[in-house]
Amino acid sequence: MTVKSSREPARAELAKLGEAELLEVIRAQPVPAHVAVIMDGNGRWATRRGLPRVAGHREGVKAARAAVRAADTLGLQYLTLYAFSTENWSRPKQEVSTLMTLLERSIHGELPELMERNVRLRIIGRPNGVPPPVQRGIDEVVRQTERNTGLTLVMAFNYGGRDELIDAFRLVARRVASGELQPEDISEVHVSRALYTKDIPNPDLLIRTSGEMRVSNFLLWQIAYTELWITPTLWPDFGGADLYRAVLEFQGRTRRFGGV
């Protein structure tokens, strides 16, 4: 999808506005219900500065906090962050261990603000293989925020899009094996209801940082008609204004869902 040419100059000027001004313009139109983000570039951010990769991950946590605040301020219903993929386990052991420690501390550290902002935390992904202290910390924050009614923050942790589809197909297959469902009756609805995101709407907008042109095994079923917004900005440099600019461009697109 592209922005209509008659609106491009005006929107280019709007993109230069500050965070507060952008927010005012965006609020004049409907905002997407669900924005998903592939947070990419922590390691490159650190390497370019001669720092260890963990420094980029620490800054990435700060960027995630800023994104949650901006999404909450904007009034989004769902914000999904790709925090750790199943493929990330193949990284050097020391980096993975540091990431797990950082995540465990961050989860606990963010709880007060999540409660203050009425944000509910949800996790999608496979729990197996996650270090027990990390899993316990995640479970506790999920439990404490489950009654919150504001923004739902969905964290994709130990997540892989193909794994999710395999798990969904296994669930549907068990229903067929039990006689509950006939193979010829299987529909998109049955598959959707078997996904980790069965009660979460598909993303309207997918943001990818660092300029990479791929979806990296993320929400493969759910993003069939999601609008994409790619920025060269590395994740630690991504701020609230960047989220607002992505939403502003989204508002200028015409979504056809495969129609003419």
C-alpha atoms as a PDB file:
ATOM      1  CA  MET A   1       0.000   0.000   0.000  1.00  0.00           C
ATOM      2  CA  THR A   2       1.192   3.554  -0.660  1.00  0.00           C
ATOM      3  CA  VAL A   3       0.144   6.941   0.581  1.00  0.00           C
ATOM      4  CA  LYS A   4      -1.925   8.863  -1.922  1.00  0.00           C
ATOM      5  CA  SER A   5       0.318  11.262  -3.830  1.00  0.00           C
ATOM      6  CA  SER A   6      -1.836  14.297  -3.071  1.00  0.00           C
ATOM      7  CA  ARG A   7      -1.173  13.778   0.643  1.00  0.00           C
ATOM      8  CA  GLU A   8       2.554  13.012   0.493  1.00  0.00           C
ATOM      9  CA  PRO A   9       3.913  16.579   0.822  1.00  0.00           C
ATOM     10  CA  ALA A  10       1.648  17.385   3.743  1.00  0.00           C
ATOM     11  CA  ARG A  11       2.515  14.155   5.538  1.00  0.00           C
ATOM     12  CA  ALA A  12       6.219  14.703   4.926  1.00  0.00           C
ATOM     13  CA  GLU A  13       5.935  18.017   6.737  1.00  0.00           C
ATOM     14  CA  LEU A  14       3.953  16.432   9.549  1.00  0.00           C
ATOM     15  CA  ALA A  15       6.694  13.853  10.028  1.00  0.00           C
ATOM     16  CA  LYS A  16       9.053  16.650  11.060  1.00  0.00           C
ATOM     17  CA  LEU A  17       6.853  17.627  13.984  1.00  0.00           C
ATOM     18  CA  GLY A  18       7.770  16.917  17.593  1.00  0.00           C
ATOM     19  CA  GLU A  19       6.245  14.146  19.669  1.00  0.00           C
ATOM     20  CA  ALA A  20       3.486  16.247  21.239  1.00  0.00           C
ATOM     21  CA  GLU A  21       2.533  17.826  17.902  1.00  0.00           C
ATOM     22  CA  LEU A  22       2.488  14.448  16.163  1.00  0.00           C
ATOM     23  CA  LEU A  23       0.251  13.061  18.871  1.00  0.00           C
ATOM     24  CA  GLU A  24      -2.251  15.867  18.373  1.00  0.00           C
ATOM     25  CA  VAL A  25      -2.416  15.253  14.607  1.00  0.00           C
ATOM     26  CA  ILE A  26      -2.719  11.476  14.962  1.00  0.00           C
ATOM     27  CA  ARG A  27      -5.534  11.694  17.491  1.00  0.00           C
ATOM     28  CA  ALA A  28      -7.684  13.508  14.928  1.00  0.00           C
ATOM     29  CA  GLN A  29      -8.059  10.170  13.073  1.00  0.00           C
ATOM     30  CA  PRO A  30      -8.707   6.571  14.157  1.00  0.00           C
ATOM     31  CA  VAL A  31      -5.594   4.828  15.445  1.00  0.00           C
ATOM     32  CA  PRO A  32      -4.763   1.172  14.788  1.00  0.00           C
ATOM     33  CA  ALA A  33      -5.978  -1.245  17.436  1.00  0.00           C
ATOM     34  CA  HIS A  34      -2.868  -3.420  17.330  1.00  0.00           C
ATOM     35  CA  VAL A  35       0.730  -2.537  16.502  1.00  0.00           C
ATOM     36  CA  ALA A  36       3.459  -5.198  16.466  1.00  0.00           C
ATOM     37  CA  VAL A  37       7.192  -4.460  16.524  1.00  0.00           C
ATOM     38  CA  ILE A  38      10.260  -6.443  15.494  1.00  0.00           C
ATOM     39  CA  MET A  39      12.841  -4.819  17.752  1.00  0.00           C
ATOM     40  CA  ASP A  40      16.073  -5.201  15.788  1.00  0.00           C
ATOM     41  CA  GLY A  41      19.504  -3.625  15.964  1.00  0.00           C
ATOM     42  CA  ASN A  42      20.637  -3.792  19.599  1.00  0.00           C
ATOM     43  CA  GLY A  43      23.889  -5.546  18.759  1.00  0.00           C
ATOM     44  CA  ARG A  44      24.745  -3.258  15.852  1.00  0.00           C
ATOM     45  CA  TRP A  45      23.958  -0.217  17.985  1.00  0.00           C
ATOM     46  CA  ALA A  46      26.545  -1.356  20.536  1.00  0.00           C
ATOM     47  CA  THR A  47      29.141  -2.462  17.988  1.00  0.00           C
ATOM     48  CA  ARG A  48      29.075   0.903  16.221  1.00  0.00           C
ATOM     49  CA  ARG A  49      29.922   2.519  19.550  1.00  0.00           C
ATOM     50  CA  GLY A  50      32.669   0.077  20.458  1.00  0.00           C
ATOM     51  CA  LEU A  51      30.563  -1.337  23.284  1.00  0.00           C
ATOM     52  CA  PRO A  52      29.758  -4.939  24.230  1.00  0.00           C
ATOM     53  CA  ARG A  53      26.504  -6.249  22.744  1.00  0.00           C
ATOM     54  CA  VAL A  54      24.880  -6.361  26.172  1.00  0.00           C
ATOM     55  CA  ALA A  55      25.050  -2.563  26.265  1.00  0.00           C
ATOM     56  CA  GLY A  56      22.784  -2.509  23.230  1.00  0.00           C
ATOM     57  CA  HIS A  57      20.345  -4.858  24.914  1.00  0.00           C
ATOM     58  CA  ARG A  58      20.229  -2.614  27.996  1.00  0.00           C
ATOM     59  CA  GLU A  59      19.428   0.368  25.796  1.00  0.00           C
ATOM     60  CA  GLY A  60      16.887  -1.774  23.988  1.00  0.00           C
ATOM     61  CA  VAL A  61      15.010  -2.247  27.265  1.00  0.00           C
ATOM     62  CA  LYS A  62      14.792   1.540  27.604  1.00  0.00           C
ATOM     63  CA  ALA A  63      13.434   1.791  24.046  1.00  0.00           C
ATOM     64  CA  ALA A  64      10.817  -0.863  24.837  1.00  0.00           C
ATOM     65  CA  ARG A  65       9.747   1.144  27.879  1.00  0.00           C
ATOM     66  CA  ALA A  66       9.405   4.269  25.723  1.00  0.00           C
ATOM     67  CA  ALA A  67       7.350   2.344  23.148  1.00  0.00           C
ATOM     68  CA  VAL A  68       4.959   1.077  25.811  1.00  0.00           C
ATOM     69  CA  ARG A  69       4.514   4.588  27.183  1.00  0.00           C
ATOM     70  CA  ALA A  70       3.889   6.003  23.709  1.00  0.00           C
ATOM     71  CA  ALA A  71       1.436   3.223  22.820  1.00  0.00           C
ATOM     72  CA  ASP A  72      -0.445   3.791  26.061  1.00  0.00           C
ATOM     73  CA  THR A  73      -0.558   7.545  25.503  1.00  0.00           C
ATOM     74  CA  LEU A  74      -1.788   7.020  21.949  1.00  0.00           C
ATOM     75  CA  GLY A  75      -4.583   4.744  23.109  1.00  0.00           C
ATOM     76  CA  LEU A  76      -3.582   1.543  21.350  1.00  0.00           C
ATOM     77  CA  GLN A  77      -5.388  -1.574  22.513  1.00  0.00           C
ATOM     78  CA  TYR A  78      -2.508  -3.977  21.810  1.00  0.00           C
ATOM     79  CA  LEU A  79       1.250  -3.605  21.428  1.00  0.00           C
ATOM     80  CA  THR A  80       3.198  -6.765  20.596  1.00  0.00           C
ATOM     81  CA  LEU A  81       6.978  -6.749  21.014  1.00  0.00           C
ATOM     82  CA  TYR A  82       9.202  -9.490  19.576  1.00  0.00           C
ATOM     83  CA  ALA A  83      11.453  -9.887  22.603  1.00  0.00           C
ATOM     84  CA  PHE A  84      13.192 -13.242  22.080  1.00  0.00           C
ATOM     85  CA  SER A  85      12.805 -15.715  19.252  1.00  0.00           C
ATOM     86  CA  THR A  86      13.360 -19.461  19.326  1.00  0.00           C
ATOM     87  CA  GLU A  87      16.291 -18.857  16.963  1.00  0.00           C
ATOM     88  CA  ASN A  88      17.960 -16.532  19.497  1.00  0.00           C
ATOM     89  CA  TRP A  89      19.000 -19.561  21.577  1.00  0.00           C
ATOM     90  CA  SER A  90      21.694 -20.198  18.952  1.00  0.00           C
ATOM     91  CA  ARG A  91      23.524 -17.002  19.910  1.00  0.00           C
ATOM     92  CA  PRO A  92      26.689 -17.253  22.062  1.00  0.00           C
ATOM     93  CA  LYS A  93      25.882 -18.742  25.475  1.00  0.00           C
ATOM     94  CA  GLN A  94      27.214 -15.728  27.353  1.00  0.00           C
ATOM     95  CA  GLU A  95      24.986 -13.356  25.392  1.00  0.00           C
ATOM     96  CA  VAL A  96      21.915 -15.541  25.936  1.00  0.00           C
ATOM     97  CA  SER A  97      22.667 -15.829  29.656  1.00  0.00           C
ATOM     98  CA  THR A  98      23.046 -12.072  29.923  1.00  0.00           C
ATOM     99  CA  LEU A  99      19.809 -11.550  28.026  1.00  0.00           C
ATOM    100  CA  MET A 100      17.944 -13.856  30.404  1.00  0.00           C
ATOM    101  CA  THR A 101      19.331 -12.032  33.447  1.00  0.00           C
ATOM    102  CA  LEU A 102      18.470  -8.673  31.921  1.00  0.00           C
ATOM    103  CA  LEU A 103      14.967  -9.831  31.096  1.00  0.00           C
ATOM    104  CA  GLU A 104      14.384 -11.221  34.590  1.00  0.00           C
ATOM    105  CA  ARG A 105      15.419  -7.925  36.202  1.00  0.00           C
ATOM    106  CA  SER A 106      13.514  -5.819  33.694  1.00  0.00           C
ATOM    107  CA  ILE A 107      10.254  -7.715  34.153  1.00  0.00           C
ATOM    108  CA  HIS A 108      10.283  -7.055  37.892  1.00  0.00           C
ATOM    109  CA  GLY A 109      11.453  -3.471  37.430  1.00  0.00           C
ATOM    110  CA  GLU A 110       8.659  -2.587  35.020  1.00  0.00           C
ATOM    111  CA  LEU A 111       5.816  -3.944  37.171  1.00  0.00           C
ATOM    112  CA  PRO A 112       5.122  -0.718  39.127  1.00  0.00           C
ATOM    113  CA  GLU A 113       4.746   1.333  35.954  1.00  0.00           C
ATOM    114  CA  LEU A 114       2.652  -1.336  34.258  1.00  0.00           C
ATOM    115  CA  MET A 115       0.287  -1.220  37.234  1.00  0.00           C
ATOM    116  CA  GLU A 116       0.252   2.576  37.284  1.00  0.00           C
ATOM    117  CA  ARG A 117      -0.585   2.703  33.576  1.00  0.00           C
ATOM    118  CA  ASN A 118      -3.175  -0.082  33.858  1.00  0.00           C
ATOM    119  CA  VAL A 119      -1.213  -2.177  31.324  1.00  0.00           C
ATOM    120  CA  ARG A 120      -1.844  -5.899  31.078  1.00  0.00           C
ATOM    121  CA  LEU A 121       1.066  -8.182  30.177  1.00  0.00           C
ATOM    122  CA  ARG A 122       0.505 -11.239  27.985  1.00  0.00           C
ATOM    123  CA  ILE A 123       3.133 -13.724  26.805  1.00  0.00           C
ATOM    124  CA  ILE A 124       3.093 -15.723  23.578  1.00  0.00           C
ATOM    125  CA  GLY A 125       5.625 -18.456  22.885  1.00  0.00           C
ATOM    126  CA  ARG A 126       6.705 -21.823  24.202  1.00  0.00           C
ATOM    127  CA  PRO A 127       7.482 -21.963  27.945  1.00  0.00           C
ATOM    128  CA  ASN A 128       9.722 -25.032  27.660  1.00  0.00           C
ATOM    129  CA  GLY A 129      13.442 -24.320  27.807  1.00  0.00           C
ATOM    130  CA  VAL A 130      13.084 -20.960  29.573  1.00  0.00           C
ATOM    131  CA  PRO A 131      15.215 -20.732  32.761  1.00  0.00           C
ATOM    132  CA  PRO A 132      12.915 -21.305  35.773  1.00  0.00           C
ATOM    133  CA  PRO A 133      13.711 -17.963  37.507  1.00  0.00           C
ATOM    134  CA  VAL A 134      12.853 -16.078  34.313  1.00  0.00           C
ATOM    135  CA  GLN A 135       9.653 -18.060  33.802  1.00  0.00           C
ATOM    136  CA  ARG A 136       8.588 -17.514  37.422  1.00  0.00           C
ATOM    137  CA  GLY A 137       9.211 -13.785  37.116  1.00  0.00           C
ATOM    138  CA  ILE A 138       7.212 -13.550  33.906  1.00  0.00           C
ATOM    139  CA  ASP A 139       4.359 -15.596  35.353  1.00  0.00           C
ATOM    140  CA  GLU A 140       4.200 -13.347  38.408  1.00  0.00           C
ATOM    141  CA  VAL A 141       3.968 -10.130  36.381  1.00  0.00           C
ATOM    142  CA  VAL A 142       1.340 -11.701  34.117  1.00  0.00           C
ATOM    143  CA  ARG A 143      -0.647 -12.687  37.199  1.00  0.00           C
ATOM    144  CA  GLN A 144      -0.403  -9.285  38.852  1.00  0.00           C
ATOM    145  CA  THR A 145      -1.456  -7.399  35.725  1.00  0.00           C
ATOM    146  CA  GLU A 146      -4.176  -9.767  34.500  1.00  0.00           C
ATOM    147  CA  ARG A 147      -7.011  -7.569  35.810  1.00  0.00           C
ATOM    148  CA  ASN A 148      -5.675  -4.381  34.214  1.00  0.00           C
ATOM    149  CA  THR A 149      -7.963  -3.009  31.514  1.00  0.00           C
ATOM    150  CA  GLY A 150      -5.796  -0.600  29.531  1.00  0.00           C
ATOM    151  CA  LEU A 151      -3.179  -1.397  26.888  1.00  0.00           C
ATOM    152  CA  THR A 152      -2.417  -5.102  26.487  1.00  0.00           C
ATOM    153  CA  LEU A 153       1.329  -5.539  26.110  1.00  0.00           C
ATOM    154  CA  VAL A 154       1.977  -8.821  24.311  1.00  0.00           C
ATOM    155  CA  MET A 155       5.555 -10.036  24.668  1.00  0.00           C
ATOM    156  CA  ALA A 156       6.644 -12.673  22.163  1.00  0.00           C
ATOM    157  CA  PHE A 157       9.193 -14.612  24.195  1.00  0.00           C
ATOM    158  CA  ASN A 158      10.770 -17.902  23.112  1.00  0.00           C
ATOM    159  CA  TYR A 159       8.494 -17.406  20.129  1.00  0.00           C
ATOM    160  CA  GLY A 160       8.675 -18.659  16.553  1.00  0.00           C
ATOM    161  CA  GLY A 161       5.966 -18.245  13.951  1.00  0.00           C
ATOM    162  CA  ARG A 162       6.478 -21.725  12.513  1.00  0.00           C
ATOM    163  CA  ASP A 163       6.449 -23.252  16.011  1.00  0.00           C
ATOM    164  CA  GLU A 164       3.160 -21.507  16.674  1.00  0.00           C
ATOM    165  CA  LEU A 165       1.665 -22.941  13.492  1.00  0.00           C
ATOM    166  CA  ILE A 166       2.935 -26.438  14.336  1.00  0.00           C
ATOM    167  CA  ASP A 167       1.377 -26.186  17.805  1.00  0.00           C
ATOM    168  CA  ALA A 168      -1.879 -24.950  16.266  1.00  0.00           C
ATOM    169  CA  PHE A 169      -1.972 -27.784  13.716  1.00  0.00           C
ATOM    170  CA  ARG A 170      -1.317 -30.321  16.464  1.00  0.00           C
ATOM    171  CA  LEU A 171      -4.259 -28.932  18.435  1.00  0.00           C
ATOM    172  CA  VAL A 172      -6.532 -29.102  15.387  1.00  0.00           C
ATOM    173  CA  ALA A 173      -5.250 -32.628  14.623  1.00  0.00           C
ATOM    174  CA  ARG A 174      -6.163 -33.755  18.139  1.00  0.00           C
ATOM    175  CA  ARG A 175      -9.689 -32.444  17.602  1.00  0.00           C
ATOM    176  CA  VAL A 176      -9.901 -34.421  14.363  1.00  0.00           C
ATOM    177  CA  ALA A 177      -8.520 -37.569  16.011  1.00  0.00           C
ATOM    178  CA  SER A 178     -11.120 -37.318  18.777  1.00  0.00           C
ATOM    179  CA  GLY A 179     -13.922 -37.039  16.236  1.00  0.00           C
ATOM    180  CA  GLU A 180     -14.799 -33.540  17.380  1.00  0.00           C
ATOM    181  CA  LEU A 181     -13.900 -32.062  13.976  1.00  0.00           C
ATOM    182  CA  GLN A 182     -13.978 -33.465  10.443  1.00  0.00           C
ATOM    183  CA  PRO A 183     -10.940 -32.764   8.209  1.00  0.00           C
ATOM    184  CA  GLU A 184     -13.113 -31.256   5.456  1.00  0.00           C
ATOM    185  CA  ASP A 185     -14.609 -28.828   7.967  1.00  0.00           C
ATOM    186  CA  ILE A 186     -11.277 -27.274   8.997  1.00  0.00           C
ATOM    187  CA  SER A 187     -11.324 -23.552   8.234  1.00  0.00           C
ATOM    188  CA  GLU A 188      -9.251 -20.446   8.920  1.00  0.00           C
ATOM    189  CA  VAL A 189     -11.367 -19.917  12.020  1.00  0.00           C
ATOM    190  CA  HIS A 190     -10.296 -23.262  13.478  1.00  0.00           C
ATOM    191  CA  VAL A 191      -6.620 -22.487  12.866  1.00  0.00           C
ATOM    192  CA  SER A 192      -6.916 -18.945  14.248  1.00  0.00           C
ATOM    193  CA  ARG A 193      -8.550 -20.246  17.410  1.00  0.00           C
ATOM    194  CA  ALA A 194      -5.681 -22.681  17.919  1.00  0.00           C
ATOM    195  CA  LEU A 195      -2.963 -19.995  17.783  1.00  0.00           C
ATOM    196  CA  TYR A 196      -1.259 -18.414  20.806  1.00  0.00           C
ATOM    197  CA  THR A 197      -3.083 -15.211  19.813  1.00  0.00           C
ATOM    198  CA  LYS A 198      -6.556 -16.774  19.613  1.00  0.00           C
ATOM    199  CA  ASP A 199      -8.183 -13.910  21.548  1.00  0.00           C
ATOM    200  CA  ILE A 200      -5.989 -11.101  20.172  1.00  0.00           C
ATOM    201  CA  PRO A 201      -6.828  -9.243  16.930  1.00  0.00           C
ATOM    202  CA  ASN A 202      -4.349  -9.477  14.082  1.00  0.00           C
ATOM    203  CA  PRO A 203      -1.874  -6.567  13.915  1.00  0.00           C
ATOM    204  CA  ASP A 204      -2.930  -3.595  11.828  1.00  0.00           C
ATOM    205  CA  LEU A 205       0.641  -2.342  11.595  1.00  0.00           C
ATOM    206  CA  LEU A 206       4.007  -4.117  11.827  1.00  0.00           C
ATOM    207  CA  ILE A 207       7.084  -2.002  12.522  1.00  0.00           C
ATOM    208  CA  ARG A 208      10.589  -3.299  11.893  1.00  0.00           C
ATOM    209  CA  THR A 209      13.645  -1.372  12.991  1.00  0.00           C
ATOM    210  CA  SER A 210      17.223  -1.525  11.622  1.00  0.00           C
ATOM    211  CA  GLY A 211      16.131  -1.482   7.975  1.00  0.00           C
ATOM    212  CA  GLU A 212      16.051  -5.247   7.446  1.00  0.00           C
ATOM    213  CA  MET A 213      13.453  -6.327   4.867  1.00  0.00           C
ATOM    214  CA  ARG A 214      12.148  -9.552   6.389  1.00  0.00           C
ATOM    215  CA  VAL A 215       9.582 -10.678   8.954  1.00  0.00           C
ATOM    216  CA  SER A 216      11.924 -13.085  10.785  1.00  0.00           C
ATOM    217  CA  ASN A 217       9.440 -15.849  11.573  1.00  0.00           C
ATOM    218  CA  PHE A 218       7.134 -13.430  13.402  1.00  0.00           C
ATOM    219  CA  LEU A 219       3.336 -13.808  13.485  1.00  0.00           C
ATOM    220  CA  LEU A 220       3.357 -15.546  10.099  1.00  0.00           C
ATOM    221  CA  TRP A 221      -0.370 -16.311  10.071  1.00  0.00           C
ATOM    222  CA  GLN A 222      -1.499 -13.079  11.691  1.00  0.00           C
ATOM    223  CA  ILE A 223       0.277 -10.571   9.412  1.00  0.00           C
ATOM    224  CA  ALA A 224      -1.244 -11.755   6.119  1.00  0.00           C
ATOM    225  CA  TYR A 225      -2.792  -8.305   5.551  1.00  0.00           C
ATOM    226  CA  THR A 226      -0.850  -6.239   8.061  1.00  0.00           C
ATOM    227  CA  GLU A 227       0.645  -2.956   6.858  1.00  0.00           C
ATOM    228  CA  LEU A 228       4.462  -2.874   7.105  1.00  0.00           C
ATOM    229  CA  TRP A 229       6.610   0.080   8.165  1.00  0.00           C
ATOM    230  CA  ILE A 230      10.387  -0.353   7.944  1.00  0.00           C
ATOM    231  CA  THR A 231      12.796   2.159   9.457  1.00  0.00           C
ATOM    232  CA  PRO A 232      16.621   2.190   9.345  1.00  0.00           C
ATOM    233  CA  THR A 233      16.634   3.371  12.958  1.00  0.00           C
ATOM    234  CA  LEU A 234      18.247   0.827  15.269  1.00  0.00           C
ATOM    235  CA  TRP A 235      15.994  -0.246  18.114  1.00  0.00           C
ATOM    236  CA  PRO A 236      17.856   1.514  20.968  1.00  0.00           C
ATOM    237  CA  ASP A 237      17.364   4.818  19.092  1.00  0.00           C
ATOM    238  CA  PHE A 238      13.649   4.215  18.503  1.00  0.00           C
ATOM    239  CA  GLY A 239      11.471   6.575  20.538  1.00  0.00           C
ATOM    240  CA  GLY A 240       7.879   7.611  20.991  1.00  0.00           C
ATOM    241  CA  ALA A 241       8.058  10.019  18.056  1.00  0.00           C
ATOM    242  CA  ASP A 242       9.114   7.132  15.784  1.00  0.00           C
ATOM    243  CA  LEU A 243       6.065   5.124  16.820  1.00  0.00           C
ATOM    244  CA  TYR A 244       3.859   8.132  16.147  1.00  0.00           C
ATOM    245  CA  ARG A 245       5.390   8.645  12.687  1.00  0.00           C
ATOM    246  CA  ALA A 246       4.709   5.018  11.835  1.00  0.00           C
ATOM    247  CA  VAL A 247       1.084   5.389  12.908  1.00  0.00           C
ATOM    248  CA  LEU A 248       0.808   8.663  10.997  1.00  0.00           C
ATOM    249  CA  GLU A 249       1.906   6.946   7.782  1.00  0.00           C
ATOM    250  CA  PHE A 250      -0.454   4.049   8.501  1.00  0.00           C
ATOM    251  CA  GLN A 251      -3.332   6.513   8.742  1.00  0.00           C
ATOM    252  CA  GLY A 252      -2.556   7.699   5.221  1.00  0.00           C
ATOM    253  CA  ARG A 253      -2.779   4.245   3.652  1.00  0.00           C
ATOM    254  CA  THR A 254      -5.828   2.564   2.134  1.00  0.00           C
ATOM    255  CA  ARG A 255      -6.208  -1.020   3.334  1.00  0.00           C
ATOM    256  CA  ARG A 256      -7.850  -3.283   0.727  1.00  0.00           C
ATOM    257  CA  PHE A 257      -7.306  -6.743   2.244  1.00  0.00           C
ATOM    258  CA  GLY A 258      -6.775  -8.261  -1.197  1.00  0.00           C
ATOM    259  CA  GLY A 259      -9.578  -6.257  -2.852  1.00  0.00           C
ATOM    260  CA  VAL A 260      -9.229  -3.933  -5.824  1.00  0.00           C
END
